[in-house]
Amino acid sequence: MQESEFNYFKEILEGRKVQIMKNISGFNDELDQLNSLELNDEADHASVGNSSMVESAIVRQQEQELREINVTLGKISTRDYGTCEMCEEPIGFQRLKVKPHAIYCIDCREIVEKTR
């Protein structure tokens, strides 16, 4: 992979990282607001509980993506980025454009998904 490609993906990943951190902060603010509401009946409690569960699931997914991005940024700094962790072949540029924090090439990703 060329230096310009490393820089291209680094910029994309850093931008996504900033966006995720903003999202998580916003979700946490919303959860705090929901928890501070004065609820009068069971329907209100159920609605807030449902909203909290959905937002918590989204936050967990975003936190996982953030961890993956941080690992990937480390790989960029060591120039190990873009290599499949299973077959050690290069991950295709188009795949990395779609999912810059991918750790498997398309073929290996399919194998991993089938074995889960």
PDB file of N, CA and C in Angstrom:
ATOM      1  N   MET A   1       0.851  -1.176   0.000  1.00  0.00           N
ATOM      2  CA  MET A   1       0.000   0.000   0.000  1.00  0.00           C
ATOM      3  C   MET A   1       0.896   1.238   0.000  1.00  0.00           C
ATOM      4  N   GLN A   2       0.490   2.213  -0.777  1.00  0.00           N
ATOM      5  CA  GLN A   2       1.271   3.444  -0.890  1.00  0.00           C
ATOM      6  C   GLN A   2       0.965   4.393   0.261  1.00  0.00           C
ATOM      7  N   GLU A   3       1.884   5.310   0.506  1.00  0.00           N
ATOM      8  CA  GLU A   3       1.733   6.289   1.583  1.00  0.00           C
ATOM      9  C   GLU A   3       0.448   7.098   1.428  1.00  0.00           C
ATOM     10  N   SER A   4       0.126   7.475   0.210  1.00  0.00           N
ATOM     11  CA  SER A   4      -1.098   8.262  -0.014  1.00  0.00           C
ATOM     12  C   SER A   4      -2.344   7.472   0.368  1.00  0.00           C
ATOM     13  N   GLU A   5      -2.321   6.158   0.159  1.00  0.00           N
ATOM     14  CA  GLU A   5      -3.453   5.312   0.534  1.00  0.00           C
ATOM     15  C   GLU A   5      -3.556   5.194   2.056  1.00  0.00           C
ATOM     16  N   PHE A   6      -2.419   5.046   2.727  1.00  0.00           N
ATOM     17  CA  PHE A   6      -2.439   5.027   4.192  1.00  0.00           C
ATOM     18  C   PHE A   6      -3.059   6.326   4.718  1.00  0.00           C
ATOM     19  N   ASN A   7      -2.627   7.447   4.166  1.00  0.00           N
ATOM     20  CA  ASN A   7      -3.144   8.751   4.605  1.00  0.00           C
ATOM     21  C   ASN A   7      -4.631   8.896   4.302  1.00  0.00           C
ATOM     22  N   TYR A   8      -5.061   8.413   3.150  1.00  0.00           N
ATOM     23  CA  TYR A   8      -6.472   8.470   2.767  1.00  0.00           C
ATOM     24  C   TYR A   8      -7.337   7.748   3.797  1.00  0.00           C
ATOM     25  N   PHE A   9      -6.960   6.515   4.127  1.00  0.00           N
ATOM     26  CA  PHE A   9      -7.750   5.731   5.073  1.00  0.00           C
ATOM     27  C   PHE A   9      -7.627   6.274   6.499  1.00  0.00           C
ATOM     28  N   LYS A  10      -6.470   6.808   6.837  1.00  0.00           N
ATOM     29  CA  LYS A  10      -6.294   7.399   8.164  1.00  0.00           C
ATOM     30  C   LYS A  10      -7.259   8.570   8.348  1.00  0.00           C
ATOM     31  N   GLU A  11      -7.376   9.411   7.337  1.00  0.00           N
ATOM     32  CA  GLU A  11      -8.299  10.550   7.413  1.00  0.00           C
ATOM     33  C   GLU A  11      -9.752  10.078   7.552  1.00  0.00           C
ATOM     34  N   ILE A  12     -10.127   9.085   6.774  1.00  0.00           N
ATOM     35  CA  ILE A  12     -11.496   8.549   6.853  1.00  0.00           C
ATOM     36  C   ILE A  12     -11.767   8.001   8.248  1.00  0.00           C
ATOM     37  N   LEU A  13     -10.838   7.205   8.767  1.00  0.00           N
ATOM     38  CA  LEU A  13     -11.026   6.580  10.079  1.00  0.00           C
ATOM     39  C   LEU A  13     -11.045   7.615  11.201  1.00  0.00           C
ATOM     40  N   GLU A  14     -10.187   8.611  11.128  1.00  0.00           N
ATOM     41  CA  GLU A  14     -10.185   9.647  12.157  1.00  0.00           C
ATOM     42  C   GLU A  14     -11.477  10.450  12.126  1.00  0.00           C
ATOM     43  N   GLY A  15     -11.996  10.727  10.940  1.00  0.00           N
ATOM     44  CA  GLY A  15     -13.276  11.424  10.821  1.00  0.00           C
ATOM     45  C   GLY A  15     -14.410  10.599  11.398  1.00  0.00           C
ATOM     46  N   ARG A  16     -14.411   9.313  11.104  1.00  0.00           N
ATOM     47  CA  ARG A  16     -15.456   8.419  11.644  1.00  0.00           C
ATOM     48  C   ARG A  16     -15.347   8.333  13.166  1.00  0.00           C
ATOM     49  N   LYS A  17     -14.116   8.314  13.670  1.00  0.00           N
ATOM     50  CA  LYS A  17     -13.890   8.255  15.114  1.00  0.00           C
ATOM     51  C   LYS A  17     -14.496   9.477  15.802  1.00  0.00           C
ATOM     52  N   VAL A  18     -14.266  10.648  15.243  1.00  0.00           N
ATOM     53  CA  VAL A  18     -14.829  11.876  15.811  1.00  0.00           C
ATOM     54  C   VAL A  18     -16.356  11.810  15.798  1.00  0.00           C
ATOM     55  N   GLN A  19     -16.931  11.343  14.692  1.00  0.00           N
ATOM     56  CA  GLN A  19     -18.380  11.241  14.580  1.00  0.00           C
ATOM     57  C   GLN A  19     -18.955  10.274  15.610  1.00  0.00           C
ATOM     58  N   ILE A  20     -18.311   9.140  15.789  1.00  0.00           N
ATOM     59  CA  ILE A  20     -18.791   8.158  16.758  1.00  0.00           C
ATOM     60  C   ILE A  20     -18.727   8.730  18.171  1.00  0.00           C
ATOM     61  N   MET A  21     -17.648   9.421  18.496  1.00  0.00           N
ATOM     62  CA  MET A  21     -17.533  10.001  19.834  1.00  0.00           C
ATOM     63  C   MET A  21     -18.626  11.034  20.072  1.00  0.00           C
ATOM     64  N   LYS A  22     -18.969  11.817  19.047  1.00  0.00           N
ATOM     65  CA  LYS A  22     -20.080  12.767  19.160  1.00  0.00           C
ATOM     66  C   LYS A  22     -21.402  12.019  19.354  1.00  0.00           C
ATOM     67  N   ASN A  23     -21.596  10.949  18.585  1.00  0.00           N
ATOM     68  CA  ASN A  23     -22.817  10.151  18.703  1.00  0.00           C
ATOM     69  C   ASN A  23     -22.973   9.593  20.112  1.00  0.00           C
ATOM     70  N   ILE A  24     -21.915   9.006  20.630  1.00  0.00           N
ATOM     71  CA  ILE A  24     -21.971   8.405  21.964  1.00  0.00           C
ATOM     72  C   ILE A  24     -22.271   9.472  23.006  1.00  0.00           C
ATOM     73  N   SER A  25     -21.629  10.612  22.886  1.00  0.00           N
ATOM     74  CA  SER A  25     -21.881  11.705  23.829  1.00  0.00           C
ATOM     75  C   SER A  25     -23.343  12.155  23.757  1.00  0.00           C
ATOM     76  N   GLY A  26     -23.871  12.277  22.535  1.00  0.00           N
ATOM     77  CA  GLY A  26     -25.267  12.666  22.351  1.00  0.00           C
ATOM     78  C   GLY A  26     -26.226  11.647  22.925  1.00  0.00           C
ATOM     79  N   PHE A  27     -25.935  10.356  22.705  1.00  0.00           N
ATOM     80  CA  PHE A  27     -26.786   9.304  23.262  1.00  0.00           C
ATOM     81  C   PHE A  27     -26.765   9.343  24.786  1.00  0.00           C
ATOM     82  N   ASN A  28     -25.588   9.537  25.347  1.00  0.00           N
ATOM     83  CA  ASN A  28     -25.491   9.591  26.809  1.00  0.00           C
ATOM     84  C   ASN A  28     -26.264  10.783  27.364  1.00  0.00           C
ATOM     85  N   ASP A  29     -26.210  11.919  26.677  1.00  0.00           N
ATOM     86  CA  ASP A  29     -26.994  13.083  27.105  1.00  0.00           C
ATOM     87  C   ASP A  29     -28.489  12.772  27.049  1.00  0.00           C
ATOM     88  N   GLU A  30     -28.924  12.118  25.965  1.00  0.00           N
ATOM     89  CA  GLU A  30     -30.340  11.761  25.840  1.00  0.00           C
ATOM     90  C   GLU A  30     -30.773  10.791  26.937  1.00  0.00           C
ATOM     91  N   LEU A  31     -29.918   9.813  27.240  1.00  0.00           N
ATOM     92  CA  LEU A  31     -30.250   8.866  28.303  1.00  0.00           C
ATOM     93  C   LEU A  31     -30.368   9.577  29.646  1.00  0.00           C
ATOM     94  N   ASP A  32     -29.472  10.520  29.897  1.00  0.00           N
ATOM     95  CA  ASP A  32     -29.554  11.296  31.145  1.00  0.00           C
ATOM     96  C   ASP A  32     -30.865  12.075  31.208  1.00  0.00           C
ATOM     97  N   GLN A  33     -31.263  12.665  30.085  1.00  0.00           N
ATOM     98  CA  GLN A  33     -32.518  13.414  30.042  1.00  0.00           C
ATOM     99  C   GLN A  33     -33.718  12.489  30.277  1.00  0.00           C
ATOM    100  N   LEU A  34     -33.693  11.319  29.644  1.00  0.00           N
ATOM    101  CA  LEU A  34     -34.791  10.365  29.834  1.00  0.00           C
ATOM    102  C   LEU A  34     -34.889   9.919  31.294  1.00  0.00           C
ATOM    103  N   ASN A  35     -33.736   9.690  31.891  1.00  0.00           N
ATOM    104  CA  ASN A  35     -33.736   9.224  33.281  1.00  0.00           C
ATOM    105  C   ASN A  35     -34.186  10.307  34.255  1.00  0.00           C
ATOM    106  N   SER A  36     -34.076  11.566  33.867  1.00  0.00           N
ATOM    107  CA  SER A  36     -34.458  12.647  34.774  1.00  0.00           C
ATOM    108  C   SER A  36     -35.925  13.051  34.628  1.00  0.00           C
ATOM    109  N   LEU A  37     -36.635  12.453  33.681  1.00  0.00           N
ATOM    110  CA  LEU A  37     -38.046  12.796  33.488  1.00  0.00           C
ATOM    111  C   LEU A  37     -38.901  12.317  34.655  1.00  0.00           C
ATOM    112  N   GLU A  38     -39.909  13.108  34.963  1.00  0.00           N
ATOM    113  CA  GLU A  38     -40.888  12.680  35.958  1.00  0.00           C
ATOM    114  C   GLU A  38     -41.980  11.906  35.217  1.00  0.00           C
ATOM    115  N   LEU A  39     -42.039  10.620  35.476  1.00  0.00           N
ATOM    116  CA  LEU A  39     -42.976   9.754  34.761  1.00  0.00           C
ATOM    117  C   LEU A  39     -44.199   9.496  35.631  1.00  0.00           C
ATOM    118  N   ASN A  40     -45.360   9.593  34.995  1.00  0.00           N
ATOM    119  CA  ASN A  40     -46.613   9.510  35.755  1.00  0.00           C
ATOM    120  C   ASN A  40     -47.302   8.154  35.696  1.00  0.00           C
ATOM    121  N   ASP A  41     -47.078   7.388  34.647  1.00  0.00           N
ATOM    122  CA  ASP A  41     -47.785   6.106  34.561  1.00  0.00           C
ATOM    123  C   ASP A  41     -46.896   5.032  33.944  1.00  0.00           C
ATOM    124  N   GLU A  42     -47.427   3.828  33.910  1.00  0.00           N
ATOM    125  CA  GLU A  42     -46.666   2.685  33.410  1.00  0.00           C
ATOM    126  C   GLU A  42     -46.322   2.818  31.934  1.00  0.00           C
ATOM    127  N   ALA A  43     -47.183   3.417  31.153  1.00  0.00           N
ATOM    128  CA  ALA A  43     -46.912   3.604  29.724  1.00  0.00           C
ATOM    129  C   ALA A  43     -45.699   4.492  29.523  1.00  0.00           C
ATOM    130  N   ASP A  44     -45.609   5.554  30.316  1.00  0.00           N
ATOM    131  CA  ASP A  44     -44.435   6.436  30.229  1.00  0.00           C
ATOM    132  C   ASP A  44     -43.164   5.673  30.603  1.00  0.00           C
ATOM    133  N   HIS A  45     -43.246   4.888  31.673  1.00  0.00           N
ATOM    134  CA  HIS A  45     -42.088   4.092  32.098  1.00  0.00           C
ATOM    135  C   HIS A  45     -41.681   3.108  30.999  1.00  0.00           C
ATOM    136  N   ALA A  46     -42.662   2.461  30.395  1.00  0.00           N
ATOM    137  CA  ALA A  46     -42.381   1.485  29.337  1.00  0.00           C
ATOM    138  C   ALA A  46     -41.749   2.164  28.124  1.00  0.00           C
ATOM    139  N   SER A  47     -42.259   3.315  27.760  1.00  0.00           N
ATOM    140  CA  SER A  47     -41.730   4.045  26.609  1.00  0.00           C
ATOM    141  C   SER A  47     -40.286   4.472  26.849  1.00  0.00           C
ATOM    142  N   VAL A  48     -40.017   5.007  28.018  1.00  0.00           N
ATOM    143  CA  VAL A  48     -38.650   5.430  28.358  1.00  0.00           C
ATOM    144  C   VAL A  48     -37.726   4.225  28.434  1.00  0.00           C
ATOM    145  N   GLY A  49     -38.221   3.134  29.019  1.00  0.00           N
ATOM    146  CA  GLY A  49     -37.408   1.921  29.105  1.00  0.00           C
ATOM    147  C   GLY A  49     -37.048   1.383  27.740  1.00  0.00           C
ATOM    148  N   ASN A  50     -38.017   1.395  26.825  1.00  0.00           N
ATOM    149  CA  ASN A  50     -37.776   0.926  25.466  1.00  0.00           C
ATOM    150  C   ASN A  50     -36.763   1.822  24.766  1.00  0.00           C
ATOM    151  N   SER A  51     -36.919   3.119  24.895  1.00  0.00           N
ATOM    152  CA  SER A  51     -35.977   4.068  24.285  1.00  0.00           C
ATOM    153  C   SER A  51     -34.576   3.870  24.841  1.00  0.00           C
ATOM    154  N   SER A  52     -34.493   3.668  26.141  1.00  0.00           N
ATOM    155  CA  SER A  52     -33.192   3.465  26.780  1.00  0.00           C
ATOM    156  C   SER A  52     -32.520   2.192  26.270  1.00  0.00           C
ATOM    157  N   MET A  53     -33.287   1.129  26.113  1.00  0.00           N
ATOM    158  CA  MET A  53     -32.723  -0.134  25.625  1.00  0.00           C
ATOM    159  C   MET A  53     -32.195   0.020  24.203  1.00  0.00           C
ATOM    160  N   VAL A  54     -32.964   0.673  23.346  1.00  0.00           N
ATOM    161  CA  VAL A  54     -32.548   0.862  21.958  1.00  0.00           C
ATOM    162  C   VAL A  54     -31.288   1.714  21.897  1.00  0.00           C
ATOM    163  N   GLU A  55     -31.293   2.815  22.620  1.00  0.00           N
ATOM    164  CA  GLU A  55     -30.126   3.699  22.595  1.00  0.00           C
ATOM    165  C   GLU A  55     -28.902   3.030  23.209  1.00  0.00           C
ATOM    166  N   SER A  56     -29.085   2.237  24.234  1.00  0.00           N
ATOM    167  CA  SER A  56     -27.963   1.511  24.836  1.00  0.00           C
ATOM    168  C   SER A  56     -27.364   0.511  23.845  1.00  0.00           C
ATOM    169  N   ALA A  57     -28.213  -0.151  23.084  1.00  0.00           N
ATOM    170  CA  ALA A  57     -27.728  -1.095  22.066  1.00  0.00           C
ATOM    171  C   ALA A  57     -26.941  -0.365  20.989  1.00  0.00           C
ATOM    172  N   ILE A  58     -27.425   0.784  20.593  1.00  0.00           N
ATOM    173  CA  ILE A  58     -26.721   1.574  19.577  1.00  0.00           C
ATOM    174  C   ILE A  58     -25.369   2.026  20.115  1.00  0.00           C
ATOM    175  N   VAL A  59     -25.339   2.469  21.363  1.00  0.00           N
ATOM    176  CA  VAL A  59     -24.077   2.913  21.972  1.00  0.00           C
ATOM    177  C   VAL A  59     -23.083   1.755  22.023  1.00  0.00           C
ATOM    178  N   ARG A  60     -23.539   0.569  22.410  1.00  0.00           N
ATOM    179  CA  ARG A  60     -22.636  -0.596  22.457  1.00  0.00           C
ATOM    180  C   ARG A  60     -22.055  -0.896  21.077  1.00  0.00           C
ATOM    181  N   GLN A  61     -22.893  -0.827  20.046  1.00  0.00           N
ATOM    182  CA  GLN A  61     -22.418  -1.075  18.684  1.00  0.00           C
ATOM    183  C   GLN A  61     -21.409  -0.010  18.266  1.00  0.00           C
ATOM    184  N   GLN A  62     -21.685   1.236  18.599  1.00  0.00           N
ATOM    185  CA  GLN A  62     -20.776   2.335  18.243  1.00  0.00           C
ATOM    186  C   GLN A  62     -19.451   2.211  19.017  1.00  0.00           C
ATOM    187  N   GLU A  63     -19.519   1.795  20.275  1.00  0.00           N
ATOM    188  CA  GLU A  63     -18.301   1.605  21.060  1.00  0.00           C
ATOM    189  C   GLU A  63     -17.447   0.488  20.472  1.00  0.00           C
ATOM    190  N   GLN A  64     -18.081  -0.570  19.981  1.00  0.00           N
ATOM    191  CA  GLN A  64     -17.344  -1.660  19.338  1.00  0.00           C
ATOM    192  C   GLN A  64     -16.659  -1.153  18.066  1.00  0.00           C
ATOM    193  N   GLU A  65     -17.383  -0.393  17.266  1.00  0.00           N
ATOM    194  CA  GLU A  65     -16.780   0.165  16.054  1.00  0.00           C
ATOM    195  C   GLU A  65     -15.615   1.087  16.409  1.00  0.00           C
ATOM    196  N   LEU A  66     -15.752   1.853  17.470  1.00  0.00           N
ATOM    197  CA  LEU A  66     -14.679   2.754  17.910  1.00  0.00           C
ATOM    198  C   LEU A  66     -13.438   1.954  18.304  1.00  0.00           C
ATOM    199  N   ARG A  67     -13.627   0.851  19.009  1.00  0.00           N
ATOM    200  CA  ARG A  67     -12.486  -0.004  19.362  1.00  0.00           C
ATOM    201  C   ARG A  67     -11.801  -0.542  18.106  1.00  0.00           C
ATOM    202  N   GLU A  68     -12.611  -0.982  17.138  1.00  0.00           N
ATOM    203  CA  GLU A  68     -12.050  -1.500  15.883  1.00  0.00           C
ATOM    204  C   GLU A  68     -11.284  -0.412  15.139  1.00  0.00           C
ATOM    205  N   ILE A  69     -11.805   0.789  15.141  1.00  0.00           N
ATOM    206  CA  ILE A  69     -11.125   1.902  14.473  1.00  0.00           C
ATOM    207  C   ILE A  69      -9.804   2.209  15.158  1.00  0.00           C
ATOM    208  N   ASN A  70      -9.786   2.206  16.481  1.00  0.00           N
ATOM    209  CA  ASN A  70      -8.537   2.479  17.196  1.00  0.00           C
ATOM    210  C   ASN A  70      -7.472   1.429  16.882  1.00  0.00           C
ATOM    211  N   VAL A  71      -7.874   0.159  16.809  1.00  0.00           N
ATOM    212  CA  VAL A  71      -6.937  -0.902  16.438  1.00  0.00           C
ATOM    213  C   VAL A  71      -6.420  -0.652  15.018  1.00  0.00           C
ATOM    214  N   THR A  72      -7.326  -0.299  14.128  1.00  0.00           N
ATOM    215  CA  THR A  72      -6.952  -0.068  12.730  1.00  0.00           C
ATOM    216  C   THR A  72      -6.005   1.118  12.598  1.00  0.00           C
ATOM    217  N   LEU A  73      -6.254   2.185  13.334  1.00  0.00           N
ATOM    218  CA  LEU A  73      -5.340   3.342  13.299  1.00  0.00           C
ATOM    219  C   LEU A  73      -3.951   2.937  13.771  1.00  0.00           C
ATOM    220  N   GLY A  74      -3.879   2.042  14.742  1.00  0.00           N
ATOM    221  CA  GLY A  74      -2.582   1.514  15.173  1.00  0.00           C
ATOM    222  C   GLY A  74      -1.889   0.746  14.060  1.00  0.00           C
ATOM    223  N   LYS A  75      -2.680  -0.026  13.303  1.00  0.00           N
ATOM    224  CA  LYS A  75      -2.107  -0.774  12.177  1.00  0.00           C
ATOM    225  C   LYS A  75      -1.603   0.166  11.093  1.00  0.00           C
ATOM    226  N   ILE A  76      -2.288   1.269  10.894  1.00  0.00           N
ATOM    227  CA  ILE A  76      -1.827   2.241   9.899  1.00  0.00           C
ATOM    228  C   ILE A  76      -0.491   2.821  10.334  1.00  0.00           C
ATOM    229  N   SER A  77      -0.360   3.138  11.609  1.00  0.00           N
ATOM    230  CA  SER A  77       0.884   3.741  12.084  1.00  0.00           C
ATOM    231  C   SER A  77       2.068   2.777  11.981  1.00  0.00           C
ATOM    232  N   THR A  78       1.808   1.459  12.088  1.00  0.00           N
ATOM    233  CA  THR A  78       2.880   0.473  11.969  1.00  0.00           C
ATOM    234  C   THR A  78       3.002  -0.092  10.547  1.00  0.00           C
ATOM    235  N   ARG A  79       2.140   0.396   9.669  1.00  0.00           N
ATOM    236  CA  ARG A  79       2.103  -0.023   8.255  1.00  0.00           C
ATOM    237  C   ARG A  79       1.699  -1.487   8.084  1.00  0.00           C
ATOM    238  N   ASP A  80       0.928  -2.008   9.037  1.00  0.00           N
ATOM    239  CA  ASP A  80       0.375  -3.361   8.931  1.00  0.00           C
ATOM    240  C   ASP A  80      -1.047  -3.337   8.384  1.00  0.00           C
ATOM    241  N   TYR A  81      -1.520  -2.162   8.032  1.00  0.00           N
ATOM    242  CA  TYR A  81      -2.907  -1.976   7.589  1.00  0.00           C
ATOM    243  C   TYR A  81      -3.126  -2.561   6.206  1.00  0.00           C
ATOM    244  N   GLY A  82      -4.329  -3.122   6.018  1.00  0.00           N
ATOM    245  CA  GLY A  82      -4.727  -3.597   4.697  1.00  0.00           C
ATOM    246  C   GLY A  82      -4.385  -5.039   4.420  1.00  0.00           C
ATOM    247  N   THR A  83      -3.936  -5.766   5.436  1.00  0.00           N
ATOM    248  CA  THR A  83      -3.597  -7.172   5.280  1.00  0.00           C
ATOM    249  C   THR A  83      -4.616  -8.011   6.047  1.00  0.00           C
ATOM    250  N   CYS A  84      -5.147  -9.015   5.395  1.00  0.00           N
ATOM    251  CA  CYS A  84      -6.129  -9.903   6.010  1.00  0.00           C
ATOM    252  C   CYS A  84      -5.498 -10.646   7.183  1.00  0.00           C
ATOM    253  N   GLU A  85      -6.191 -10.668   8.304  1.00  0.00           N
ATOM    254  CA  GLU A  85      -5.676 -11.336   9.498  1.00  0.00           C
ATOM    255  C   GLU A  85      -5.752 -12.861   9.398  1.00  0.00           C
ATOM    256  N   MET A  86      -6.494 -13.369   8.410  1.00  0.00           N
ATOM    257  CA  MET A  86      -6.613 -14.814   8.279  1.00  0.00           C
ATOM    258  C   MET A  86      -5.628 -15.362   7.244  1.00  0.00           C
ATOM    259  N   CYS A  87      -5.695 -14.852   6.041  1.00  0.00           N
ATOM    260  CA  CYS A  87      -4.861 -15.405   4.960  1.00  0.00           C
ATOM    261  C   CYS A  87      -3.599 -14.584   4.703  1.00  0.00           C
ATOM    262  N   GLU A  88      -3.508 -13.422   5.321  1.00  0.00           N
ATOM    263  CA  GLU A  88      -2.365 -12.514   5.211  1.00  0.00           C
ATOM    264  C   GLU A  88      -2.155 -11.964   3.795  1.00  0.00           C
ATOM    265  N   GLU A  89      -3.200 -12.023   2.992  1.00  0.00           N
ATOM    266  CA  GLU A  89      -3.178 -11.409   1.668  1.00  0.00           C
ATOM    267  C   GLU A  89      -3.711  -9.978   1.799  1.00  0.00           C
ATOM    268  N   PRO A  90      -3.403  -9.130   0.827  1.00  0.00           N
ATOM    269  CA  PRO A  90      -3.943  -7.761   0.890  1.00  0.00           C
ATOM    270  C   PRO A  90      -5.467  -7.752   0.805  1.00  0.00           C
ATOM    271  N   ILE A  91      -6.074  -6.890   1.612  1.00  0.00           N
ATOM    272  CA  ILE A  91      -7.518  -6.676   1.536  1.00  0.00           C
ATOM    273  C   ILE A  91      -7.737  -5.715   0.381  1.00  0.00           C
ATOM    274  N   GLY A  92      -8.691  -5.993  -0.455  1.00  0.00           N
ATOM    275  CA  GLY A  92      -8.933  -5.174  -1.638  1.00  0.00           C
ATOM    276  C   GLY A  92      -9.247  -3.718  -1.295  1.00  0.00           C
ATOM    277  N   PHE A  93      -8.783  -2.811  -2.147  1.00  0.00           N
ATOM    278  CA  PHE A  93      -8.987  -1.381  -1.938  1.00  0.00           C
ATOM    279  C   PHE A  93     -10.468  -1.045  -1.868  1.00  0.00           C
ATOM    280  N   GLN A  94     -11.272  -1.648  -2.741  1.00  0.00           N
ATOM    281  CA  GLN A  94     -12.712  -1.366  -2.747  1.00  0.00           C
ATOM    282  C   GLN A  94     -13.361  -1.819  -1.444  1.00  0.00           C
ATOM    283  N   ARG A  95     -12.931  -2.950  -0.910  1.00  0.00           N
ATOM    284  CA  ARG A  95     -13.466  -3.422   0.384  1.00  0.00           C
ATOM    285  C   ARG A  95     -13.098  -2.434   1.481  1.00  0.00           C
ATOM    286  N   LEU A  96     -11.874  -1.952   1.483  1.00  0.00           N
ATOM    287  CA  LEU A  96     -11.449  -0.995   2.500  1.00  0.00           C
ATOM    288  C   LEU A  96     -12.186   0.337   2.355  1.00  0.00           C
ATOM    289  N   LYS A  97     -12.549   0.696   1.134  1.00  0.00           N
ATOM    290  CA  LYS A  97     -13.330   1.926   0.952  1.00  0.00           C
ATOM    291  C   LYS A  97     -14.706   1.785   1.596  1.00  0.00           C
ATOM    292  N   VAL A  98     -15.293   0.594   1.516  1.00  0.00           N
ATOM    293  CA  VAL A  98     -16.612   0.347   2.092  1.00  0.00           C
ATOM    294  C   VAL A  98     -16.515   0.205   3.608  1.00  0.00           C
ATOM    295  N   LYS A  99     -15.513  -0.529   4.076  1.00  0.00           N
ATOM    296  CA  LYS A  99     -15.320  -0.742   5.516  1.00  0.00           C
ATOM    297  C   LYS A  99     -13.828  -0.572   5.826  1.00  0.00           C
ATOM    298  N   PRO A 100     -13.420   0.674   6.095  1.00  0.00           N
ATOM    299  CA  PRO A 100     -11.988   0.948   6.291  1.00  0.00           C
ATOM    300  C   PRO A 100     -11.356   0.205   7.467  1.00  0.00           C
ATOM    301  N   HIS A 101     -12.155  -0.262   8.421  1.00  0.00           N
ATOM    302  CA  HIS A 101     -11.593  -0.991   9.557  1.00  0.00           C
ATOM    303  C   HIS A 101     -11.744  -2.510   9.399  1.00  0.00           C
ATOM    304  N   ALA A 102     -11.913  -2.967   8.152  1.00  0.00           N
ATOM    305  CA  ALA A 102     -12.029  -4.402   7.884  1.00  0.00           C
ATOM    306  C   ALA A 102     -10.718  -5.105   8.253  1.00  0.00           C
ATOM    307  N   ILE A 103     -10.861  -6.299   8.827  1.00  0.00           N
ATOM    308  CA  ILE A 103      -9.669  -7.074   9.174  1.00  0.00           C
ATOM    309  C   ILE A 103      -9.532  -8.329   8.312  1.00  0.00           C
ATOM    310  N   TYR A 104     -10.573  -8.618   7.522  1.00  0.00           N
ATOM    311  CA  TYR A 104     -10.551  -9.781   6.650  1.00  0.00           C
ATOM    312  C   TYR A 104     -10.837  -9.371   5.205  1.00  0.00           C
ATOM    313  N   CYS A 105     -10.248 -10.111   4.277  1.00  0.00           N
ATOM    314  CA  CYS A 105     -10.622  -9.951   2.876  1.00  0.00           C
ATOM    315  C   CYS A 105     -12.031 -10.533   2.705  1.00  0.00           C
ATOM    316  N   ILE A 106     -12.611 -10.344   1.551  1.00  0.00           N
ATOM    317  CA  ILE A 106     -13.980 -10.817   1.310  1.00  0.00           C
ATOM    318  C   ILE A 106     -14.101 -12.327   1.524  1.00  0.00           C
ATOM    319  N   ASP A 107     -13.185 -13.089   0.966  1.00  0.00           N
ATOM    320  CA  ASP A 107     -13.269 -14.555   1.068  1.00  0.00           C
ATOM    321  C   ASP A 107     -13.181 -15.023   2.517  1.00  0.00           C
ATOM    322  N   CYS A 108     -12.240 -14.474   3.264  1.00  0.00           N
ATOM    323  CA  CYS A 108     -12.072 -14.892   4.655  1.00  0.00           C
ATOM    324  C   CYS A 108     -13.232 -14.413   5.522  1.00  0.00           C
ATOM    325  N   ARG A 109     -13.786 -13.248   5.210  1.00  0.00           N
ATOM    326  CA  ARG A 109     -14.941 -12.762   5.955  1.00  0.00           C
ATOM    327  C   ARG A 109     -16.108 -13.727   5.821  1.00  0.00           C
ATOM    328  N   GLU A 110     -16.314 -14.242   4.599  1.00  0.00           N
ATOM    329  CA  GLU A 110     -17.386 -15.210   4.378  1.00  0.00           C
ATOM    330  C   GLU A 110     -17.145 -16.484   5.172  1.00  0.00           C
ATOM    331  N   ILE A 111     -15.904 -16.930   5.252  1.00  0.00           N
ATOM    332  CA  ILE A 111     -15.567 -18.130   6.028  1.00  0.00           C
ATOM    333  C   ILE A 111     -15.867 -17.890   7.501  1.00  0.00           C
ATOM    334  N   VAL A 112     -15.451 -16.743   8.010  1.00  0.00           N
ATOM    335  CA  VAL A 112     -15.659 -16.426   9.426  1.00  0.00           C
ATOM    336  C   VAL A 112     -17.149 -16.361   9.736  1.00  0.00           C
ATOM    337  N   GLU A 113     -17.921 -15.735   8.857  1.00  0.00           N
ATOM    338  CA  GLU A 113     -19.355 -15.622   9.097  1.00  0.00           C
ATOM    339  C   GLU A 113     -20.050 -16.981   9.060  1.00  0.00           C
ATOM    340  N   LYS A 114     -19.619 -17.870   8.193  1.00  0.00           N
ATOM    341  CA  LYS A 114     -20.219 -19.202   8.113  1.00  0.00           C
ATOM    342  C   LYS A 114     -19.898 -20.054   9.330  1.00  0.00           C
ATOM    343  N   THR A 115     -18.745 -19.819   9.952  1.00  0.00           N
ATOM    344  CA  THR A 115     -18.360 -20.617  11.108  1.00  0.00           C
ATOM    345  C   THR A 115     -18.957 -20.093  12.410  1.00  0.00           C
ATOM    346  N   ARG A 116     -19.569 -18.929  12.383  1.00  0.00           N
ATOM    347  CA  ARG A 116     -20.181 -18.379  13.603  1.00  0.00           C
ATOM    348  C   ARG A 116     -21.530 -18.976  13.848  1.00  0.00           C
TER     349      ARG A 116
END
